Amino acid sequence: MNAVPGEWAEALSATRERRPLIYAITNFIAASFQANAILAVGGSPVMSQCLHEADVLAESAEGILVNTGAPSEDRERLIRKALGVAEKRRIPTLLDPVGYGASPFRKTLVDGLLQDVRFSTIKGNCGELVLLAGEEARMKGVDSEEEHPYIVRTVRSLAVRTGSLICATGARDLVSGGGAVFSVRGGSPWLGRLTGGGCVLGALMLTLGAAVGNAASGVLCASVLLRRSAERAEKLSNGPGTFQANLLDAIYQTQPEDMLHEKWRVEEATE
């Protein structure tokens, strides 16, 4: 895994050329925001929650997003049905374990999925991933209150244990495939004031990675793209409402060649 701006530009270009179909099994709170972000970056979203069409949609999808926010008793059957197809077709999958540790139900749901499924990418906030690693973290509802002092080590060890690309989000994003851990900086604090801001990042990661056939390129490209877009949106906004609209505009307006100038945002993280 390397931080190569040329690969980010390629991922964005490929997304707009191929328009990959992303099947998002996600929460109703963030679904609209995620769908609009997928469209803005160049992908094509389908957001169905219907159990009876899960296998059909998974058969035609180029990536499957599993977001455990706002879970329900029937959600696990739906998720497993879609992931079964994804495994047979060997298409990329992303798990966003929203609120892991906030309730026993969410914890059981995610633990069961991780026991049986190897996801291409797992993205969560620092608190969620620290808890996934079996360590202690402070959660407030579905949000993490602070960055864990050993989060760099945790991200690397989770990648080794799960065989997945891991991304921990927060004031900085930390990404690892089991080797080096990369830190992505920049962005806007207003992103944290939007419901679904982290969920949107997961949607962008999967869309970009699916288009180019490289999960690592998609993850880093999405992190850089969202932080760059957030900075531009903040300058034009008067509050969270206008910020969300301007953020989607900034994602849409970003050109592949713009990504070539963003290497400064990414550096190798130390403990």
C-alpha atoms as a PDB file:
ATOM      1  CA  MET A   1       0.000   0.000   0.000  1.00  0.00           C
ATOM      2  CA  ASN A   2       1.417   3.371  -1.070  1.00  0.00           C
ATOM      3  CA  ALA A   3       0.269   6.988  -1.138  1.00  0.00           C
ATOM      4  CA  VAL A   4       0.380   7.736  -4.862  1.00  0.00           C
ATOM      5  CA  PRO A   5      -1.593  10.768  -6.113  1.00  0.00           C
ATOM      6  CA  GLY A   6      -1.593   9.369  -9.633  1.00  0.00           C
ATOM      7  CA  GLU A   7      -3.611   6.405  -8.368  1.00  0.00           C
ATOM      8  CA  TRP A   8      -6.121   8.765  -6.728  1.00  0.00           C
ATOM      9  CA  ALA A   9      -6.553  10.640  -9.998  1.00  0.00           C
ATOM     10  CA  GLU A  10      -7.006   7.324 -11.798  1.00  0.00           C
ATOM     11  CA  ALA A  11      -9.632   6.206  -9.262  1.00  0.00           C
ATOM     12  CA  LEU A  12     -11.668   9.383  -9.707  1.00  0.00           C
ATOM     13  CA  SER A  13     -11.388   9.228 -13.496  1.00  0.00           C
ATOM     14  CA  ALA A  14     -12.374   5.546 -13.577  1.00  0.00           C
ATOM     15  CA  THR A  15     -15.396   6.200 -11.363  1.00  0.00           C
ATOM     16  CA  ARG A  16     -16.743   8.836 -13.718  1.00  0.00           C
ATOM     17  CA  GLU A  17     -16.124   6.671 -16.749  1.00  0.00           C
ATOM     18  CA  ARG A  18     -17.515   3.397 -15.362  1.00  0.00           C
ATOM     19  CA  ARG A  19     -20.213   4.683 -12.997  1.00  0.00           C
ATOM     20  CA  PRO A  20     -20.011   1.600 -10.727  1.00  0.00           C
ATOM     21  CA  LEU A  21     -23.267   0.394  -9.188  1.00  0.00           C
ATOM     22  CA  ILE A  22     -23.002   0.432  -5.406  1.00  0.00           C
ATOM     23  CA  TYR A  23     -25.541  -1.522  -3.364  1.00  0.00           C
ATOM     24  CA  ALA A  24     -25.732   0.234  -0.011  1.00  0.00           C
ATOM     25  CA  ILE A  25     -27.330  -1.599   2.908  1.00  0.00           C
ATOM     26  CA  THR A  26     -27.274   1.375   5.204  1.00  0.00           C
ATOM     27  CA  ASN A  27     -29.182   3.340   7.810  1.00  0.00           C
ATOM     28  CA  PHE A  28     -32.162   5.495   6.938  1.00  0.00           C
ATOM     29  CA  ILE A  29     -30.564   8.525   8.618  1.00  0.00           C
ATOM     30  CA  ALA A  30     -27.618   8.770   6.230  1.00  0.00           C
ATOM     31  CA  ALA A  31     -28.982   7.015   3.133  1.00  0.00           C
ATOM     32  CA  SER A  32     -29.899  10.142   1.171  1.00  0.00           C
ATOM     33  CA  PHE A  33     -26.590  11.855   1.961  1.00  0.00           C
ATOM     34  CA  GLN A  34     -24.648   8.760   0.932  1.00  0.00           C
ATOM     35  CA  ALA A  35     -26.619   8.334  -2.287  1.00  0.00           C
ATOM     36  CA  ASN A  36     -25.992  11.951  -3.264  1.00  0.00           C
ATOM     37  CA  ALA A  37     -22.279  11.610  -2.491  1.00  0.00           C
ATOM     38  CA  ILE A  38     -22.013   8.454  -4.635  1.00  0.00           C
ATOM     39  CA  LEU A  39     -23.707  10.332  -7.469  1.00  0.00           C
ATOM     40  CA  ALA A  40     -21.470  13.384  -6.969  1.00  0.00           C
ATOM     41  CA  VAL A  41     -18.286  11.334  -7.258  1.00  0.00           C
ATOM     42  CA  GLY A  42     -19.599   9.579 -10.368  1.00  0.00           C
ATOM     43  CA  GLY A  43     -21.080   6.307  -9.112  1.00  0.00           C
ATOM     44  CA  SER A  44     -24.579   4.883  -9.223  1.00  0.00           C
ATOM     45  CA  PRO A  45     -26.286   4.036  -5.891  1.00  0.00           C
ATOM     46  CA  VAL A  46     -29.066   1.631  -5.016  1.00  0.00           C
ATOM     47  CA  MET A  47     -30.274   1.864  -1.412  1.00  0.00           C
ATOM     48  CA  SER A  48     -32.828  -0.926  -1.041  1.00  0.00           C
ATOM     49  CA  GLN A  49     -33.654  -2.429   2.357  1.00  0.00           C
ATOM     50  CA  CYS A  50     -35.852  -5.174   0.914  1.00  0.00           C
ATOM     51  CA  LEU A  51     -34.817  -8.705   1.890  1.00  0.00           C
ATOM     52  CA  HIS A  52     -36.543 -10.261  -1.112  1.00  0.00           C
ATOM     53  CA  GLU A  53     -34.415  -8.436  -3.684  1.00  0.00           C
ATOM     54  CA  ALA A  54     -31.081  -8.523  -1.859  1.00  0.00           C
ATOM     55  CA  ASP A  55     -29.620 -11.342  -3.966  1.00  0.00           C
ATOM     56  CA  VAL A  56     -30.833  -9.815  -7.240  1.00  0.00           C
ATOM     57  CA  LEU A  57     -29.301  -6.417  -6.450  1.00  0.00           C
ATOM     58  CA  ALA A  58     -26.081  -7.996  -5.222  1.00  0.00           C
ATOM     59  CA  GLU A  59     -25.773  -9.908  -8.499  1.00  0.00           C
ATOM     60  CA  SER A  60     -25.657  -6.665 -10.481  1.00  0.00           C
ATOM     61  CA  ALA A  61     -23.672  -4.544  -8.009  1.00  0.00           C
ATOM     62  CA  GLU A  62     -19.977  -3.720  -8.336  1.00  0.00           C
ATOM     63  CA  GLY A  63     -19.596  -3.109  -4.609  1.00  0.00           C
ATOM     64  CA  ILE A  64     -21.653  -3.760  -1.458  1.00  0.00           C
ATOM     65  CA  LEU A  65     -21.663  -1.379   1.494  1.00  0.00           C
ATOM     66  CA  VAL A  66     -22.796  -2.653   4.906  1.00  0.00           C
ATOM     67  CA  ASN A  67     -23.529   0.104   7.437  1.00  0.00           C
ATOM     68  CA  THR A  68     -24.883  -1.031  10.823  1.00  0.00           C
ATOM     69  CA  GLY A  69     -26.418   2.269  11.906  1.00  0.00           C
ATOM     70  CA  ALA A  70     -30.110   2.047  12.929  1.00  0.00           C
ATOM     71  CA  PRO A  71     -30.113  -1.777  12.984  1.00  0.00           C
ATOM     72  CA  SER A  72     -33.206  -3.984  13.073  1.00  0.00           C
ATOM     73  CA  GLU A  73     -33.979  -7.625  13.754  1.00  0.00           C
ATOM     74  CA  ASP A  74     -34.297  -8.399  10.029  1.00  0.00           C
ATOM     75  CA  ARG A  75     -31.167  -6.527   8.974  1.00  0.00           C
ATOM     76  CA  GLU A  76     -28.770  -9.422   9.543  1.00  0.00           C
ATOM     77  CA  ARG A  77     -30.674 -11.722   7.152  1.00  0.00           C
ATOM     78  CA  LEU A  78     -30.604  -9.029   4.494  1.00  0.00           C
ATOM     79  CA  ILE A  79     -26.890  -8.360   4.964  1.00  0.00           C
ATOM     80  CA  ARG A  80     -25.917 -12.021   4.904  1.00  0.00           C
ATOM     81  CA  LYS A  81     -27.972 -12.701   1.801  1.00  0.00           C
ATOM     82  CA  ALA A  82     -26.225  -9.905  -0.096  1.00  0.00           C
ATOM     83  CA  LEU A  83     -22.771 -10.804   1.210  1.00  0.00           C
ATOM     84  CA  GLY A  84     -23.237 -14.409   0.173  1.00  0.00           C
ATOM     85  CA  VAL A  85     -23.594 -13.247  -3.414  1.00  0.00           C
ATOM     86  CA  ALA A  86     -20.660 -10.847  -3.030  1.00  0.00           C
ATOM     87  CA  GLU A  87     -18.437 -13.695  -1.859  1.00  0.00           C
ATOM     88  CA  LYS A  88     -19.335 -15.851  -4.860  1.00  0.00           C
ATOM     89  CA  ARG A  89     -18.790 -12.975  -7.283  1.00  0.00           C
ATOM     90  CA  ARG A  90     -15.687 -11.721  -5.471  1.00  0.00           C
ATOM     91  CA  ILE A  91     -16.779  -8.108  -5.552  1.00  0.00           C
ATOM     92  CA  PRO A  92     -15.521  -5.529  -3.033  1.00  0.00           C
ATOM     93  CA  THR A  93     -17.322  -5.046   0.265  1.00  0.00           C
ATOM     94  CA  LEU A  94     -17.055  -2.406   2.974  1.00  0.00           C
ATOM     95  CA  LEU A  95     -18.202  -2.675   6.582  1.00  0.00           C
ATOM     96  CA  ASP A  96     -18.981   0.461   8.579  1.00  0.00           C
ATOM     97  CA  PRO A  97     -19.728  -0.815  12.130  1.00  0.00           C
ATOM     98  CA  VAL A  98     -21.648   2.290  13.191  1.00  0.00           C
ATOM     99  CA  GLY A  99     -22.254   2.366  16.927  1.00  0.00           C
ATOM    100  CA  TYR A 100     -20.296  -0.797  17.681  1.00  0.00           C
ATOM    101  CA  GLY A 101     -20.336  -1.063  21.466  1.00  0.00           C
ATOM    102  CA  ALA A 102     -23.293   1.288  21.871  1.00  0.00           C
ATOM    103  CA  SER A 103     -25.582  -1.700  22.528  1.00  0.00           C
ATOM    104  CA  PRO A 104     -25.209  -5.491  22.878  1.00  0.00           C
ATOM    105  CA  PHE A 105     -27.358  -5.972  19.758  1.00  0.00           C
ATOM    106  CA  ARG A 106     -24.998  -4.012  17.511  1.00  0.00           C
ATOM    107  CA  LYS A 107     -21.970  -5.741  18.988  1.00  0.00           C
ATOM    108  CA  THR A 108     -23.431  -9.198  18.388  1.00  0.00           C
ATOM    109  CA  LEU A 109     -24.426  -8.286  14.833  1.00  0.00           C
ATOM    110  CA  VAL A 110     -20.965  -7.029  13.880  1.00  0.00           C
ATOM    111  CA  ASP A 111     -19.076  -9.794  15.704  1.00  0.00           C
ATOM    112  CA  GLY A 112     -21.089 -12.408  13.828  1.00  0.00           C
ATOM    113  CA  LEU A 113     -20.400 -10.795  10.466  1.00  0.00           C
ATOM    114  CA  LEU A 114     -16.674 -10.519  11.135  1.00  0.00           C
ATOM    115  CA  GLN A 115     -16.543 -14.152  12.212  1.00  0.00           C
ATOM    116  CA  ASP A 116     -17.982 -15.344   8.903  1.00  0.00           C
ATOM    117  CA  VAL A 117     -17.067 -12.692   6.327  1.00  0.00           C
ATOM    118  CA  ARG A 118     -13.820 -11.149   5.167  1.00  0.00           C
ATOM    119  CA  PHE A 119     -14.569  -7.586   4.105  1.00  0.00           C
ATOM    120  CA  SER A 120     -12.367  -5.745   1.632  1.00  0.00           C
ATOM    121  CA  THR A 121     -12.447  -2.664   3.870  1.00  0.00           C
ATOM    122  CA  ILE A 122     -13.562  -1.880   7.415  1.00  0.00           C
ATOM    123  CA  LYS A 123     -14.061   1.791   8.234  1.00  0.00           C
ATOM    124  CA  GLY A 124     -15.077   3.176  11.610  1.00  0.00           C
ATOM    125  CA  ASN A 125     -14.336   5.909  14.076  1.00  0.00           C
ATOM    126  CA  CYS A 126     -11.524   5.423  16.571  1.00  0.00           C
ATOM    127  CA  GLY A 127     -13.804   4.259  19.378  1.00  0.00           C
ATOM    128  CA  GLU A 128     -15.528   1.644  17.237  1.00  0.00           C
ATOM    129  CA  LEU A 129     -12.276   0.166  15.975  1.00  0.00           C
ATOM    130  CA  VAL A 130     -10.617   0.168  19.387  1.00  0.00           C
ATOM    131  CA  LEU A 131     -13.581  -1.796  20.742  1.00  0.00           C
ATOM    132  CA  LEU A 132     -13.416  -4.156  17.749  1.00  0.00           C
ATOM    133  CA  ALA A 133      -9.822  -4.830  18.706  1.00  0.00           C
ATOM    134  CA  GLY A 134     -10.909  -5.814  22.230  1.00  0.00           C
ATOM    135  CA  GLU A 135      -9.559  -2.696  23.895  1.00  0.00           C
ATOM    136  CA  GLU A 136     -11.353  -0.061  25.971  1.00  0.00           C
ATOM    137  CA  ALA A 137     -12.815   3.089  24.451  1.00  0.00           C
ATOM    138  CA  ARG A 138     -15.272   5.776  25.486  1.00  0.00           C
ATOM    139  CA  MET A 139     -18.388   6.041  23.361  1.00  0.00           C
ATOM    140  CA  LYS A 140     -21.165   8.630  23.478  1.00  0.00           C
ATOM    141  CA  GLY A 141     -24.151   7.175  21.663  1.00  0.00           C
ATOM    142  CA  VAL A 142     -22.701   6.069  18.329  1.00  0.00           C
ATOM    143  CA  ASP A 143     -19.785   8.523  18.440  1.00  0.00           C
ATOM    144  CA  SER A 144     -16.247   8.205  19.735  1.00  0.00           C
ATOM    145  CA  GLU A 145     -15.251  10.827  22.280  1.00  0.00           C
ATOM    146  CA  GLU A 146     -11.500  10.880  21.656  1.00  0.00           C
ATOM    147  CA  GLU A 147      -8.608   9.339  19.752  1.00  0.00           C
ATOM    148  CA  HIS A 148      -7.108   6.327  21.493  1.00  0.00           C
ATOM    149  CA  PRO A 149      -3.409   6.848  22.390  1.00  0.00           C
ATOM    150  CA  TYR A 150      -2.443   3.597  20.639  1.00  0.00           C
ATOM    151  CA  ILE A 151      -4.771   3.893  17.664  1.00  0.00           C
ATOM    152  CA  VAL A 152      -1.943   3.567  15.116  1.00  0.00           C
ATOM    153  CA  ARG A 153      -0.968   0.205  16.553  1.00  0.00           C
ATOM    154  CA  THR A 154      -4.627  -0.827  16.763  1.00  0.00           C
ATOM    155  CA  VAL A 155      -5.293  -0.035  13.099  1.00  0.00           C
ATOM    156  CA  ARG A 156      -2.302  -2.090  11.997  1.00  0.00           C
ATOM    157  CA  SER A 157      -3.137  -5.064  14.216  1.00  0.00           C
ATOM    158  CA  LEU A 158      -6.793  -5.083  13.106  1.00  0.00           C
ATOM    159  CA  ALA A 159      -5.697  -5.156   9.483  1.00  0.00           C
ATOM    160  CA  VAL A 160      -3.494  -8.173  10.170  1.00  0.00           C
ATOM    161  CA  ARG A 161      -6.181  -9.968  12.182  1.00  0.00           C
ATOM    162  CA  THR A 162      -9.071  -9.394   9.764  1.00  0.00           C
ATOM    163  CA  GLY A 163      -7.233  -9.438   6.447  1.00  0.00           C
ATOM    164  CA  SER A 164      -9.101  -6.227   5.604  1.00  0.00           C
ATOM    165  CA  LEU A 165      -7.976  -2.734   4.791  1.00  0.00           C
ATOM    166  CA  ILE A 166      -8.665  -0.709   7.957  1.00  0.00           C
ATOM    167  CA  CYS A 167      -9.515   2.985   8.234  1.00  0.00           C
ATOM    168  CA  ALA A 168     -10.002   4.775  11.563  1.00  0.00           C
ATOM    169  CA  THR A 169     -11.606   8.193  11.214  1.00  0.00           C
ATOM    170  CA  GLY A 170     -11.333  11.228  13.447  1.00  0.00           C
ATOM    171  CA  ALA A 171      -9.340  14.455  13.456  1.00  0.00           C
ATOM    172  CA  ARG A 172      -7.155  12.519  11.040  1.00  0.00           C
ATOM    173  CA  ASP A 173      -7.878   9.354   9.081  1.00  0.00           C
ATOM    174  CA  LEU A 174      -5.559   6.401   9.681  1.00  0.00           C
ATOM    175  CA  VAL A 175      -5.321   3.690   7.012  1.00  0.00           C
ATOM    176  CA  SER A 176      -3.425   0.398   6.933  1.00  0.00           C
ATOM    177  CA  GLY A 177      -3.409  -2.925   5.149  1.00  0.00           C
ATOM    178  CA  GLY A 178      -1.243  -4.481   7.856  1.00  0.00           C
ATOM    179  CA  GLY A 179       2.034  -2.756   7.048  1.00  0.00           C
ATOM    180  CA  ALA A 180       2.618   0.973   7.141  1.00  0.00           C
ATOM    181  CA  VAL A 181      -0.137   3.146   8.625  1.00  0.00           C
ATOM    182  CA  PHE A 182      -0.918   6.301   6.661  1.00  0.00           C
ATOM    183  CA  SER A 183      -2.367   9.451   8.210  1.00  0.00           C
ATOM    184  CA  VAL A 184      -4.571  11.821   6.193  1.00  0.00           C
ATOM    185  CA  ARG A 185      -4.925  15.391   7.454  1.00  0.00           C
ATOM    186  CA  GLY A 186      -6.992  18.452   6.625  1.00  0.00           C
ATOM    187  CA  GLY A 187     -10.743  18.871   6.392  1.00  0.00           C
ATOM    188  CA  SER A 188     -13.250  20.912   8.341  1.00  0.00           C
ATOM    189  CA  PRO A 189     -14.735  20.567  11.849  1.00  0.00           C
ATOM    190  CA  TRP A 190     -18.122  21.195  10.257  1.00  0.00           C
ATOM    191  CA  LEU A 191     -18.011  17.700   8.784  1.00  0.00           C
ATOM    192  CA  GLY A 192     -18.471  16.362  12.317  1.00  0.00           C
ATOM    193  CA  ARG A 193     -21.648  18.423  12.711  1.00  0.00           C
ATOM    194  CA  LEU A 194     -23.420  16.604   9.906  1.00  0.00           C
ATOM    195  CA  THR A 195     -25.293  13.397  10.571  1.00  0.00           C
ATOM    196  CA  GLY A 196     -23.801  10.830   8.249  1.00  0.00           C
ATOM    197  CA  GLY A 197     -20.504  12.562   7.509  1.00  0.00           C
ATOM    198  CA  GLY A 198     -18.548   9.424   8.354  1.00  0.00           C
ATOM    199  CA  CYS A 199     -21.067   7.270   6.501  1.00  0.00           C
ATOM    200  CA  VAL A 200     -20.464   9.336   3.374  1.00  0.00           C
ATOM    201  CA  LEU A 201     -16.741   8.626   3.610  1.00  0.00           C
ATOM    202  CA  GLY A 202     -17.411   4.886   3.540  1.00  0.00           C
ATOM    203  CA  ALA A 203     -19.628   5.275   0.489  1.00  0.00           C
ATOM    204  CA  LEU A 204     -16.924   7.228  -1.349  1.00  0.00           C
ATOM    205  CA  MET A 205     -14.250   4.701  -0.396  1.00  0.00           C
ATOM    206  CA  LEU A 206     -16.176   1.761  -1.809  1.00  0.00           C
ATOM    207  CA  THR A 207     -17.275   3.589  -4.965  1.00  0.00           C
ATOM    208  CA  LEU A 208     -13.784   4.786  -5.892  1.00  0.00           C
ATOM    209  CA  GLY A 209     -12.140   1.481  -5.017  1.00  0.00           C
ATOM    210  CA  ALA A 210     -14.681  -0.571  -6.959  1.00  0.00           C
ATOM    211  CA  ALA A 211     -14.242   1.556 -10.072  1.00  0.00           C
ATOM    212  CA  VAL A 212     -10.480   1.177 -10.208  1.00  0.00           C
ATOM    213  CA  GLY A 213     -10.267  -2.370  -8.787  1.00  0.00           C
ATOM    214  CA  ASN A 214      -8.008  -1.268  -5.942  1.00  0.00           C
ATOM    215  CA  ALA A 215      -9.440  -0.874  -2.434  1.00  0.00           C
ATOM    216  CA  ALA A 216      -6.354   0.902  -1.063  1.00  0.00           C
ATOM    217  CA  SER A 217      -6.376   3.533  -3.804  1.00  0.00           C
ATOM    218  CA  GLY A 218     -10.094   4.054  -3.254  1.00  0.00           C
ATOM    219  CA  VAL A 219      -9.746   4.479   0.491  1.00  0.00           C
ATOM    220  CA  LEU A 220      -6.940   7.030   0.317  1.00  0.00           C
ATOM    221  CA  CYS A 221      -8.527   8.857  -2.598  1.00  0.00           C
ATOM    222  CA  ALA A 222     -11.844   9.132  -0.744  1.00  0.00           C
ATOM    223  CA  SER A 223     -10.211  10.404   2.442  1.00  0.00           C
ATOM    224  CA  VAL A 224      -8.222  13.038   0.589  1.00  0.00           C
ATOM    225  CA  LEU A 225     -11.188  13.995  -1.600  1.00  0.00           C
ATOM    226  CA  LEU A 226     -13.603  14.425   1.300  1.00  0.00           C
ATOM    227  CA  ARG A 227     -11.174  16.487   3.365  1.00  0.00           C
ATOM    228  CA  ARG A 228     -10.271  18.675   0.403  1.00  0.00           C
ATOM    229  CA  SER A 229     -13.947  19.171  -0.435  1.00  0.00           C
ATOM    230  CA  ALA A 230     -14.809  19.974   3.185  1.00  0.00           C
ATOM    231  CA  GLU A 231     -12.238  22.770   3.269  1.00  0.00           C
ATOM    232  CA  ARG A 232     -13.700  24.312   0.133  1.00  0.00           C
ATOM    233  CA  ALA A 233     -17.264  23.925   1.362  1.00  0.00           C
ATOM    234  CA  GLU A 234     -16.522  25.601   4.696  1.00  0.00           C
ATOM    235  CA  LYS A 235     -15.335  28.769   2.953  1.00  0.00           C
ATOM    236  CA  LEU A 236     -18.671  29.098   1.144  1.00  0.00           C
ATOM    237  CA  SER A 237     -21.040  28.114   3.968  1.00  0.00           C
ATOM    238  CA  ASN A 238     -23.013  29.858   6.703  1.00  0.00           C
ATOM    239  CA  GLY A 239     -23.919  26.759   8.693  1.00  0.00           C
ATOM    240  CA  PRO A 240     -24.382  22.981   8.505  1.00  0.00           C
ATOM    241  CA  GLY A 241     -27.187  23.165   5.943  1.00  0.00           C
ATOM    242  CA  THR A 242     -25.294  25.159   3.358  1.00  0.00           C
ATOM    243  CA  PHE A 243     -22.143  23.228   4.224  1.00  0.00           C
ATOM    244  CA  GLN A 244     -23.738  19.917   3.217  1.00  0.00           C
ATOM    245  CA  ALA A 245     -24.873  21.316  -0.127  1.00  0.00           C
ATOM    246  CA  ASN A 246     -21.504  22.940  -0.786  1.00  0.00           C
ATOM    247  CA  LEU A 247     -19.710  19.732   0.208  1.00  0.00           C
ATOM    248  CA  LEU A 248     -21.589  17.742  -2.431  1.00  0.00           C
ATOM    249  CA  ASP A 249     -20.859  20.464  -4.979  1.00  0.00           C
ATOM    250  CA  ALA A 250     -17.153  20.398  -4.104  1.00  0.00           C
ATOM    251  CA  ILE A 251     -16.996  16.614  -4.542  1.00  0.00           C
ATOM    252  CA  TYR A 252     -18.754  16.911  -7.891  1.00  0.00           C
ATOM    253  CA  GLN A 253     -16.494  19.744  -9.096  1.00  0.00           C
ATOM    254  CA  THR A 254     -13.213  18.016  -8.203  1.00  0.00           C
ATOM    255  CA  GLN A 255     -11.314  16.891 -11.281  1.00  0.00           C
ATOM    256  CA  PRO A 256      -8.895  13.936 -11.432  1.00  0.00           C
ATOM    257  CA  GLU A 257      -5.956  16.263 -12.036  1.00  0.00           C
ATOM    258  CA  ASP A 258      -6.778  18.102  -8.794  1.00  0.00           C
ATOM    259  CA  MET A 259      -5.818  14.978  -6.855  1.00  0.00           C
ATOM    260  CA  LEU A 260      -2.268  15.165  -8.198  1.00  0.00           C
ATOM    261  CA  HIS A 261      -1.559  18.135  -5.916  1.00  0.00           C
ATOM    262  CA  GLU A 262      -2.765  16.572  -2.648  1.00  0.00           C
ATOM    263  CA  LYS A 263       0.122  14.325  -1.608  1.00  0.00           C
ATOM    264  CA  TRP A 264       0.973  16.756   1.223  1.00  0.00           C
ATOM    265  CA  ARG A 265      -2.088  15.536   3.105  1.00  0.00           C
ATOM    266  CA  VAL A 266      -0.791  11.979   3.518  1.00  0.00           C
ATOM    267  CA  GLU A 267       2.167  10.852   5.589  1.00  0.00           C
ATOM    268  CA  GLU A 268       3.253   7.680   7.331  1.00  0.00           C
ATOM    269  CA  ALA A 269       1.983   7.674  10.926  1.00  0.00           C
ATOM    270  CA  THR A 270       4.146   6.822  13.903  1.00  0.00           C
ATOM    271  CA  GLU A 271       3.088   5.420  17.270  1.00  0.00           C
END
